[in-house]
Every structure is written in structure tokens, then in C-alpha cells.
């Protein structure tokens, strides 16, 4: 595990960059050696996201919703984001999951984000949250070892996802699709019904949209 007090060149999805001042966020990367296939990467992300959510409940009572594929939300405001990648090590392939949770600072005012302090009125230190997150992750990490355990993670993930039941736009580098988010499959991919056809997405940014006068708008 790697842990930082601040960051000046954080990397997110689609190589987005951001900064975080000292002590304002929990910023860490966790290396997990779980026997999952590359197309099951989302289940590893889900295990960390669910652990972060449970840790926040234990410390503050705040229970964020999850937004597929990698955000923790309080209402429509982003509280945390995750990013995962598979890396080669001397002991074989492993998954690195990076997570950033806004504790006392929500970032630039033009970004629709919130912090633990704003959502709960409670000041949480990065170390206190990390300790409980890792405690929560310990038993979810064990579930990733078996097919029944991964199914438990998938079910817990599905229950926490605010994305399901929503009209969504899934944006990828070169295309975008609008449809209704139905469920997540065994690999954690988002199943979206697009014009009557179910499509499975393993990557992409999701925007929750709403219908207005027959049209779909943000």
C-alpha cells in the first residue's frame, strides 16, 4: 500500500489530473493479489469502494451511494473516486486500486463535489479512515478468492449502486450510448438497455440523465 498526504498531479480516468492540499483527503493506492480475470477488474474496484463506504458509515454515519464505475456520491455531489489497473510484479499480476476521498476540502468550486466534513460535520483524519477502510477490506479481499465470494461482492455492489434504474449516458473515448441501467453482471460490468438491446460496459464514464418532455437531458 502507498499513502500520500497531498498530491499535485493526481491521475484519474481518461488521464484527468487534479490537486489535493495537504491533509484534506485520504489518498492511497492499495495493491491486491486477487485471483480475478482481467475482465473482472471492476469487482476489485467494488470491493475497495464498498469498504470505503462501510468505513465512512462507521466513522461518521454518512452512507454514500456508489456510481458506476468508480465514484462515491452524496446526493449528486462526488465524495470520492477510484482508479484501478492491473500491473505485473515479480510474483505475477496484481491489481492496484487508487482512491481519493475528500475529507475537509471538496476541491474547486466549479466541481460538483462534497467532503466528509461538509456532509457530516465531522472532521476525520486520513489515517483514521484508512485504518477502518483496511479493516473492512480484509474480509472483502477474502471473498475475491472464490466464485461464491465474488458473487457476494457483486450483490453488495449492486445494492449500493445508485446508477441502477437510472437513465444514463455511457461515454467512452470514441462513442457514447444512452439507455437504462439495468444491473451489473458477474464481472461487475454495467448492463444498459439501449434501444431494446442490452449492452455490457466494462469501461466508460456514466452520466445520470433525466427525461424532460420526451427528451433526455443532463
C-alpha atoms as a PDB file:
ATOM      1  CA  UNK A   1       0.000   0.000   0.000  1.00  0.00           C
ATOM      2  CA  UNK A   2       1.167   3.536  -0.795  1.00  0.00           C
ATOM      3  CA  UNK A   3      -0.150   6.542   1.109  1.00  0.00           C
ATOM      4  CA  UNK A   4       0.243  10.274   0.418  1.00  0.00           C
ATOM      5  CA  UNK A   5      -0.555  13.382   2.440  1.00  0.00           C
ATOM      6  CA  UNK A   6      -1.142  15.532  -0.657  1.00  0.00           C
ATOM      7  CA  UNK A   7      -0.943  15.334  -4.428  1.00  0.00           C
ATOM      8  CA  UNK A   8      -0.095  17.831  -7.142  1.00  0.00           C
ATOM      9  CA  UNK A   9      -0.594  15.652 -10.223  1.00  0.00           C
ATOM     10  CA  UNK A  10      -3.221  13.051  -9.412  1.00  0.00           C
ATOM     11  CA  UNK A  11      -4.357  10.841 -12.272  1.00  0.00           C
ATOM     12  CA  UNK A  12      -7.951   9.803 -12.814  1.00  0.00           C
ATOM     13  CA  UNK A  13      -9.999   8.176 -15.540  1.00  0.00           C
ATOM     14  CA  UNK A  14      -9.099   9.208 -19.103  1.00  0.00           C
ATOM     15  CA  UNK A  15      -5.836  10.650 -17.685  1.00  0.00           C
ATOM     16  CA  UNK A  16      -7.580  13.534 -15.928  1.00  0.00           C
ATOM     17  CA  UNK A  17      -5.381  15.361 -13.401  1.00  0.00           C
ATOM     18  CA  UNK A  18      -6.148  17.140 -10.144  1.00  0.00           C
ATOM     19  CA  UNK A  19      -4.542  18.516  -6.994  1.00  0.00           C
ATOM     20  CA  UNK A  20      -5.299  17.990  -3.310  1.00  0.00           C
ATOM     21  CA  UNK A  21      -3.877  20.095  -0.468  1.00  0.00           C
ATOM     22  CA  UNK A  22      -2.074  18.583   2.497  1.00  0.00           C
ATOM     23  CA  UNK A  23      -4.259  16.635   4.921  1.00  0.00           C
ATOM     24  CA  UNK A  24      -7.514  17.422   3.099  1.00  0.00           C
ATOM     25  CA  UNK A  25      -8.118  13.962   1.633  1.00  0.00           C
ATOM     26  CA  UNK A  26      -7.347  10.304   2.061  1.00  0.00           C
ATOM     27  CA  UNK A  27      -5.040   9.498  -0.848  1.00  0.00           C
ATOM     28  CA  UNK A  28      -3.709   5.988  -1.197  1.00  0.00           C
ATOM     29  CA  UNK A  29      -3.083   3.113  -3.569  1.00  0.00           C
ATOM     30  CA  UNK A  30      -3.707  -0.464  -2.471  1.00  0.00           C
ATOM     31  CA  UNK A  31      -2.110  -3.468  -4.168  1.00  0.00           C
ATOM     32  CA  UNK A  32      -4.318  -6.560  -4.157  1.00  0.00           C
ATOM     33  CA  UNK A  33      -3.345 -10.033  -5.301  1.00  0.00           C
ATOM     34  CA  UNK A  34      -6.776 -11.451  -6.032  1.00  0.00           C
ATOM     35  CA  UNK A  35      -7.293 -14.357  -8.455  1.00  0.00           C
ATOM     36  CA  UNK A  36      -9.595 -12.475 -10.799  1.00  0.00           C
ATOM     37  CA  UNK A  37      -9.523 -12.337 -14.566  1.00  0.00           C
ATOM     38  CA  UNK A  38      -8.694  -9.009 -16.261  1.00  0.00           C
ATOM     39  CA  UNK A  39     -12.349  -8.584 -17.239  1.00  0.00           C
ATOM     40  CA  UNK A  40     -13.323  -8.899 -13.555  1.00  0.00           C
ATOM     41  CA  UNK A  41     -11.298  -5.834 -12.545  1.00  0.00           C
ATOM     42  CA  UNK A  42     -14.485  -3.966 -11.620  1.00  0.00           C
ATOM     43  CA  UNK A  43     -15.153  -6.446  -8.793  1.00  0.00           C
ATOM     44  CA  UNK A  44     -11.833  -5.475  -7.190  1.00  0.00           C
ATOM     45  CA  UNK A  45     -12.778  -1.802  -7.506  1.00  0.00           C
ATOM     46  CA  UNK A  46     -16.168  -2.658  -5.999  1.00  0.00           C
ATOM     47  CA  UNK A  47     -14.552  -4.363  -3.001  1.00  0.00           C
ATOM     48  CA  UNK A  48     -12.494  -1.247  -2.217  1.00  0.00           C
ATOM     49  CA  UNK A  49     -15.413   1.142  -2.841  1.00  0.00           C
ATOM     50  CA  UNK A  50     -17.705  -0.874  -0.571  1.00  0.00           C
ATOM     51  CA  UNK A  51     -15.019  -0.958   2.114  1.00  0.00           C
ATOM     52  CA  UNK A  52     -14.603   2.822   1.929  1.00  0.00           C
ATOM     53  CA  UNK A  53     -18.376   3.251   2.151  1.00  0.00           C
ATOM     54  CA  UNK A  54     -18.593   0.983   5.201  1.00  0.00           C
ATOM     55  CA  UNK A  55     -15.685   2.801   6.862  1.00  0.00           C
ATOM     56  CA  UNK A  56     -17.432   6.148   6.387  1.00  0.00           C
ATOM     57  CA  UNK A  57     -20.604   4.745   7.933  1.00  0.00           C
ATOM     58  CA  UNK A  58     -18.648   3.524  10.950  1.00  0.00           C
ATOM     59  CA  UNK A  59     -16.839   6.827  11.464  1.00  0.00           C
ATOM     60  CA  UNK A  60     -19.467   9.410  10.538  1.00  0.00           C
ATOM     61  CA  UNK A  61     -22.812   7.790   9.770  1.00  0.00           C
ATOM     62  CA  UNK A  62     -22.592   9.059   6.178  1.00  0.00           C
ATOM     63  CA  UNK A  63     -23.574   6.291   3.739  1.00  0.00           C
ATOM     64  CA  UNK A  64     -22.572   7.339   0.219  1.00  0.00           C
ATOM     65  CA  UNK A  65     -24.180   5.866  -2.853  1.00  0.00           C
ATOM     66  CA  UNK A  66     -21.916   4.288  -5.430  1.00  0.00           C
ATOM     67  CA  UNK A  67     -21.926   5.457  -9.024  1.00  0.00           C
ATOM     68  CA  UNK A  68     -20.634   3.032 -11.637  1.00  0.00           C
ATOM     69  CA  UNK A  69     -17.787   2.608 -12.297  1.00  0.00           C
ATOM     70  CA  UNK A  70     -15.702   4.383  -9.666  1.00  0.00           C
ATOM     71  CA  UNK A  71     -17.349   7.156  -7.626  1.00  0.00           C
ATOM     72  CA  UNK A  72     -18.807   7.565  -4.135  1.00  0.00           C
ATOM     73  CA  UNK A  73     -21.592  10.137  -4.110  1.00  0.00           C
ATOM     74  CA  UNK A  74     -23.587  12.080  -1.539  1.00  0.00           C
ATOM     75  CA  UNK A  75     -26.679  13.072  -3.460  1.00  0.00           C
ATOM     76  CA  UNK A  76     -25.393  14.434  -6.754  1.00  0.00           C
ATOM     77  CA  UNK A  77     -22.036  15.517  -5.301  1.00  0.00           C
ATOM     78  CA  UNK A  78     -18.882  13.437  -5.640  1.00  0.00           C
ATOM     79  CA  UNK A  79     -17.211  12.446  -2.382  1.00  0.00           C
ATOM     80  CA  UNK A  80     -14.563  10.022  -3.635  1.00  0.00           C
ATOM     81  CA  UNK A  81     -13.156   8.437  -6.755  1.00  0.00           C
ATOM     82  CA  UNK A  82     -11.243   5.257  -7.506  1.00  0.00           C
ATOM     83  CA  UNK A  83      -8.981   4.086 -10.309  1.00  0.00           C
ATOM     84  CA  UNK A  84      -7.670   0.572 -10.843  1.00  0.00           C
ATOM     85  CA  UNK A  85      -5.151  -1.050 -13.129  1.00  0.00           C
ATOM     86  CA  UNK A  86      -3.523  -4.452 -13.471  1.00  0.00           C
ATOM     87  CA  UNK A  87       0.252  -4.421 -13.024  1.00  0.00           C
ATOM     88  CA  UNK A  88       2.991  -7.002 -13.456  1.00  0.00           C
ATOM     89  CA  UNK A  89       5.081  -7.822 -10.386  1.00  0.00           C
ATOM     90  CA  UNK A  90       7.798 -10.358  -9.631  1.00  0.00           C
ATOM     91  CA  UNK A  91       5.084 -12.563  -8.112  1.00  0.00           C
ATOM     92  CA  UNK A  92       2.716 -12.296 -11.072  1.00  0.00           C
ATOM     93  CA  UNK A  93      -0.160  -9.993 -11.960  1.00  0.00           C
ATOM     94  CA  UNK A  94      -1.737  -7.815  -9.280  1.00  0.00           C
ATOM     95  CA  UNK A  95      -4.315  -5.055  -9.132  1.00  0.00           C
ATOM     96  CA  UNK A  96      -3.558  -1.566  -7.859  1.00  0.00           C
ATOM     97  CA  UNK A  97      -6.582   0.432  -6.736  1.00  0.00           C
ATOM     98  CA  UNK A  98      -6.051   4.127  -6.092  1.00  0.00           C
ATOM     99  CA  UNK A  99      -8.616   6.010  -4.030  1.00  0.00           C
ATOM    100  CA  UNK A 100      -9.095   9.643  -3.118  1.00  0.00           C
ATOM    101  CA  UNK A 101     -11.712  10.652  -0.534  1.00  0.00           C
ATOM    102  CA  UNK A 102     -12.459  14.322   0.163  1.00  0.00           C
ATOM    103  CA  UNK A 103     -12.264  14.764   3.927  1.00  0.00           C
ATOM    104  CA  UNK A 104     -12.184  18.509   4.602  1.00  0.00           C
ATOM    105  CA  UNK A 105     -11.895  20.005   1.123  1.00  0.00           C
ATOM    106  CA  UNK A 106     -14.177  19.384  -1.865  1.00  0.00           C
ATOM    107  CA  UNK A 107     -11.854  20.914  -4.432  1.00  0.00           C
ATOM    108  CA  UNK A 108     -12.545  23.765  -6.885  1.00  0.00           C
ATOM    109  CA  UNK A 109     -15.911  25.489  -6.503  1.00  0.00           C
ATOM    110  CA  UNK A 110     -16.897  24.733 -10.108  1.00  0.00           C
ATOM    111  CA  UNK A 111     -16.723  20.978  -9.455  1.00  0.00           C
ATOM    112  CA  UNK A 112     -19.893  19.313  -8.130  1.00  0.00           C
ATOM    113  CA  UNK A 113     -18.222  17.670  -5.143  1.00  0.00           C
ATOM    114  CA  UNK A 114     -18.506  17.453  -1.385  1.00  0.00           C
ATOM    115  CA  UNK A 115     -16.390  16.420   1.579  1.00  0.00           C
ATOM    116  CA  UNK A 116     -16.875  14.283   4.659  1.00  0.00           C
ATOM    117  CA  UNK A 117     -16.806  17.452   6.780  1.00  0.00           C
ATOM    118  CA  UNK A 118     -19.490  19.113   4.659  1.00  0.00           C
ATOM    119  CA  UNK A 119     -21.684  16.007   4.569  1.00  0.00           C
ATOM    120  CA  UNK A 120     -21.419  15.069   8.252  1.00  0.00           C
ATOM    121  CA  UNK A 121     -19.980  17.996  10.192  1.00  0.00           C
ATOM    122  CA  UNK A 122     -17.266  15.618  11.427  1.00  0.00           C
ATOM    123  CA  UNK A 123     -13.539  16.088  10.879  1.00  0.00           C
ATOM    124  CA  UNK A 124     -11.897  12.768  10.024  1.00  0.00           C
ATOM    125  CA  UNK A 125      -8.156  12.312   9.688  1.00  0.00           C
ATOM    126  CA  UNK A 126      -6.797  10.387   6.699  1.00  0.00           C
ATOM    127  CA  UNK A 127      -5.098   7.813   8.940  1.00  0.00           C
ATOM    128  CA  UNK A 128      -8.243   7.093  10.971  1.00  0.00           C
ATOM    129  CA  UNK A 129     -10.279   6.487   7.823  1.00  0.00           C
ATOM    130  CA  UNK A 130      -7.552   4.386   6.213  1.00  0.00           C
ATOM    131  CA  UNK A 131      -7.289   2.076   9.232  1.00  0.00           C
ATOM    132  CA  UNK A 132     -11.014   1.307   9.171  1.00  0.00           C
ATOM    133  CA  UNK A 133     -11.096   1.031   5.372  1.00  0.00           C
ATOM    134  CA  UNK A 134      -8.366  -1.619   5.504  1.00  0.00           C
ATOM    135  CA  UNK A 135     -10.234  -3.432   8.273  1.00  0.00           C
ATOM    136  CA  UNK A 136     -13.358  -3.509   6.101  1.00  0.00           C
ATOM    137  CA  UNK A 137     -11.344  -4.564   3.063  1.00  0.00           C
ATOM    138  CA  UNK A 138      -9.785  -7.541   4.817  1.00  0.00           C
ATOM    139  CA  UNK A 139     -12.894  -9.740   4.683  1.00  0.00           C
ATOM    140  CA  UNK A 140     -13.968  -8.475   1.240  1.00  0.00           C
ATOM    141  CA  UNK A 141     -10.490  -9.314  -0.058  1.00  0.00           C
ATOM    142  CA  UNK A 142     -11.027 -12.890   1.147  1.00  0.00           C
ATOM    143  CA  UNK A 143     -14.311 -13.065  -0.786  1.00  0.00           C
ATOM    144  CA  UNK A 144     -12.490 -12.268  -4.019  1.00  0.00           C
ATOM    145  CA  UNK A 145     -10.727 -15.635  -3.710  1.00  0.00           C
ATOM    146  CA  UNK A 146     -13.796 -17.726  -4.624  1.00  0.00           C
ATOM    147  CA  UNK A 147     -16.668 -17.629  -7.093  1.00  0.00           C
ATOM    148  CA  UNK A 148     -19.319 -17.584  -4.310  1.00  0.00           C
ATOM    149  CA  UNK A 149     -17.412 -14.811  -2.558  1.00  0.00           C
ATOM    150  CA  UNK A 150     -17.193 -12.732  -5.732  1.00  0.00           C
ATOM    151  CA  UNK A 151     -20.941 -13.190  -6.151  1.00  0.00           C
ATOM    152  CA  UNK A 152     -21.407 -11.785  -2.623  1.00  0.00           C
ATOM    153  CA  UNK A 153     -19.332  -8.755  -3.628  1.00  0.00           C
ATOM    154  CA  UNK A 154     -21.391  -8.346  -6.801  1.00  0.00           C
ATOM    155  CA  UNK A 155     -24.687  -8.457  -4.878  1.00  0.00           C
ATOM    156  CA  UNK A 156     -23.470  -5.973  -2.258  1.00  0.00           C
ATOM    157  CA  UNK A 157     -22.199  -3.724  -5.045  1.00  0.00           C
ATOM    158  CA  UNK A 158     -25.471  -3.893  -6.941  1.00  0.00           C
ATOM    159  CA  UNK A 159     -27.454  -2.896  -3.844  1.00  0.00           C
ATOM    160  CA  UNK A 160     -25.208   0.142  -3.288  1.00  0.00           C
ATOM    161  CA  UNK A 161     -25.287   1.392  -6.890  1.00  0.00           C
ATOM    162  CA  UNK A 162     -27.388   4.495  -7.407  1.00  0.00           C
ATOM    163  CA  UNK A 163     -26.767   4.060 -11.145  1.00  0.00           C
ATOM    164  CA  UNK A 164     -29.180   1.141 -11.477  1.00  0.00           C
ATOM    165  CA  UNK A 165     -32.674   2.109 -12.557  1.00  0.00           C
ATOM    166  CA  UNK A 166     -31.361   5.396 -13.953  1.00  0.00           C
ATOM    167  CA  UNK A 167     -31.430   6.734 -17.469  1.00  0.00           C
ATOM    168  CA  UNK A 168     -27.719   7.031 -18.242  1.00  0.00           C
ATOM    169  CA  UNK A 169     -25.279   8.145 -20.876  1.00  0.00           C
ATOM    170  CA  UNK A 170     -22.167   5.976 -21.056  1.00  0.00           C
ATOM    171  CA  UNK A 171     -19.295   7.952 -22.538  1.00  0.00           C
ATOM    172  CA  UNK A 172     -16.206   6.255 -23.915  1.00  0.00           C
ATOM    173  CA  UNK A 173     -13.255   7.778 -25.733  1.00  0.00           C
ATOM    174  CA  UNK A 174     -14.804   7.487 -29.182  1.00  0.00           C
ATOM    175  CA  UNK A 175     -18.526   6.966 -28.657  1.00  0.00           C
ATOM    176  CA  UNK A 176     -21.445   7.330 -26.267  1.00  0.00           C
ATOM    177  CA  UNK A 177     -24.666   5.414 -25.613  1.00  0.00           C
ATOM    178  CA  UNK A 178     -27.884   6.433 -23.854  1.00  0.00           C
ATOM    179  CA  UNK A 179     -30.098   3.851 -22.214  1.00  0.00           C
ATOM    180  CA  UNK A 180     -31.464   2.430 -18.977  1.00  0.00           C
ATOM    181  CA  UNK A 181     -29.033   0.922 -16.462  1.00  0.00           C
ATOM    182  CA  UNK A 182     -30.410  -2.498 -15.511  1.00  0.00           C
ATOM    183  CA  UNK A 183     -27.865  -4.431 -13.428  1.00  0.00           C
ATOM    184  CA  UNK A 184     -24.240  -5.493 -13.117  1.00  0.00           C
ATOM    185  CA  UNK A 185     -23.144  -8.868 -14.420  1.00  0.00           C
ATOM    186  CA  UNK A 186     -20.873 -11.481 -12.831  1.00  0.00           C
ATOM    187  CA  UNK A 187     -17.776  -9.465 -13.774  1.00  0.00           C
ATOM    188  CA  UNK A 188     -19.168  -6.175 -12.448  1.00  0.00           C
ATOM    189  CA  UNK A 189     -19.858  -4.788 -15.911  1.00  0.00           C
ATOM    190  CA  UNK A 190     -22.766  -2.375 -16.244  1.00  0.00           C
ATOM    191  CA  UNK A 191     -25.673  -3.732 -18.278  1.00  0.00           C
ATOM    192  CA  UNK A 192     -27.518  -0.955 -20.081  1.00  0.00           C
ATOM    193  CA  UNK A 193     -30.574  -1.408 -22.267  1.00  0.00           C
ATOM    194  CA  UNK A 194     -30.041   0.736 -25.352  1.00  0.00           C
ATOM    195  CA  UNK A 195     -32.994   0.882 -27.758  1.00  0.00           C
ATOM    196  CA  UNK A 196     -34.211  -2.509 -26.599  1.00  0.00           C
ATOM    197  CA  UNK A 197     -30.799  -4.205 -26.719  1.00  0.00           C
ATOM    198  CA  UNK A 198     -28.760  -4.965 -23.602  1.00  0.00           C
ATOM    199  CA  UNK A 199     -25.138  -3.855 -23.792  1.00  0.00           C
ATOM    200  CA  UNK A 200     -22.366  -4.674 -21.302  1.00  0.00           C
ATOM    201  CA  UNK A 201     -19.860  -1.929 -20.433  1.00  0.00           C
ATOM    202  CA  UNK A 202     -16.567  -2.605 -18.685  1.00  0.00           C
ATOM    203  CA  UNK A 203     -15.218   0.937 -19.155  1.00  0.00           C
ATOM    204  CA  UNK A 204     -16.690   4.385 -19.627  1.00  0.00           C
ATOM    205  CA  UNK A 205     -17.861   7.461 -17.755  1.00  0.00           C
ATOM    206  CA  UNK A 206     -21.513   7.393 -16.727  1.00  0.00           C
ATOM    207  CA  UNK A 207     -23.735  10.468 -16.597  1.00  0.00           C
ATOM    208  CA  UNK A 208     -27.118  10.127 -14.892  1.00  0.00           C
ATOM    209  CA  UNK A 209     -29.666  11.848 -17.116  1.00  0.00           C
ATOM    210  CA  UNK A 210     -33.360  12.546 -16.833  1.00  0.00           C
ATOM    211  CA  UNK A 211     -36.238  12.708 -19.264  1.00  0.00           C
ATOM    212  CA  UNK A 212     -37.883  16.065 -19.926  1.00  0.00           C
ATOM    213  CA  UNK A 213     -40.797  16.409 -22.323  1.00  0.00           C
ATOM    214  CA  UNK A 214     -39.832  13.209 -24.099  1.00  0.00           C
ATOM    215  CA  UNK A 215     -36.183  14.187 -24.474  1.00  0.00           C
ATOM    216  CA  UNK A 216     -33.212  13.045 -22.420  1.00  0.00           C
ATOM    217  CA  UNK A 217     -31.246  15.828 -20.733  1.00  0.00           C
ATOM    218  CA  UNK A 218     -28.483  16.100 -18.123  1.00  0.00           C
END
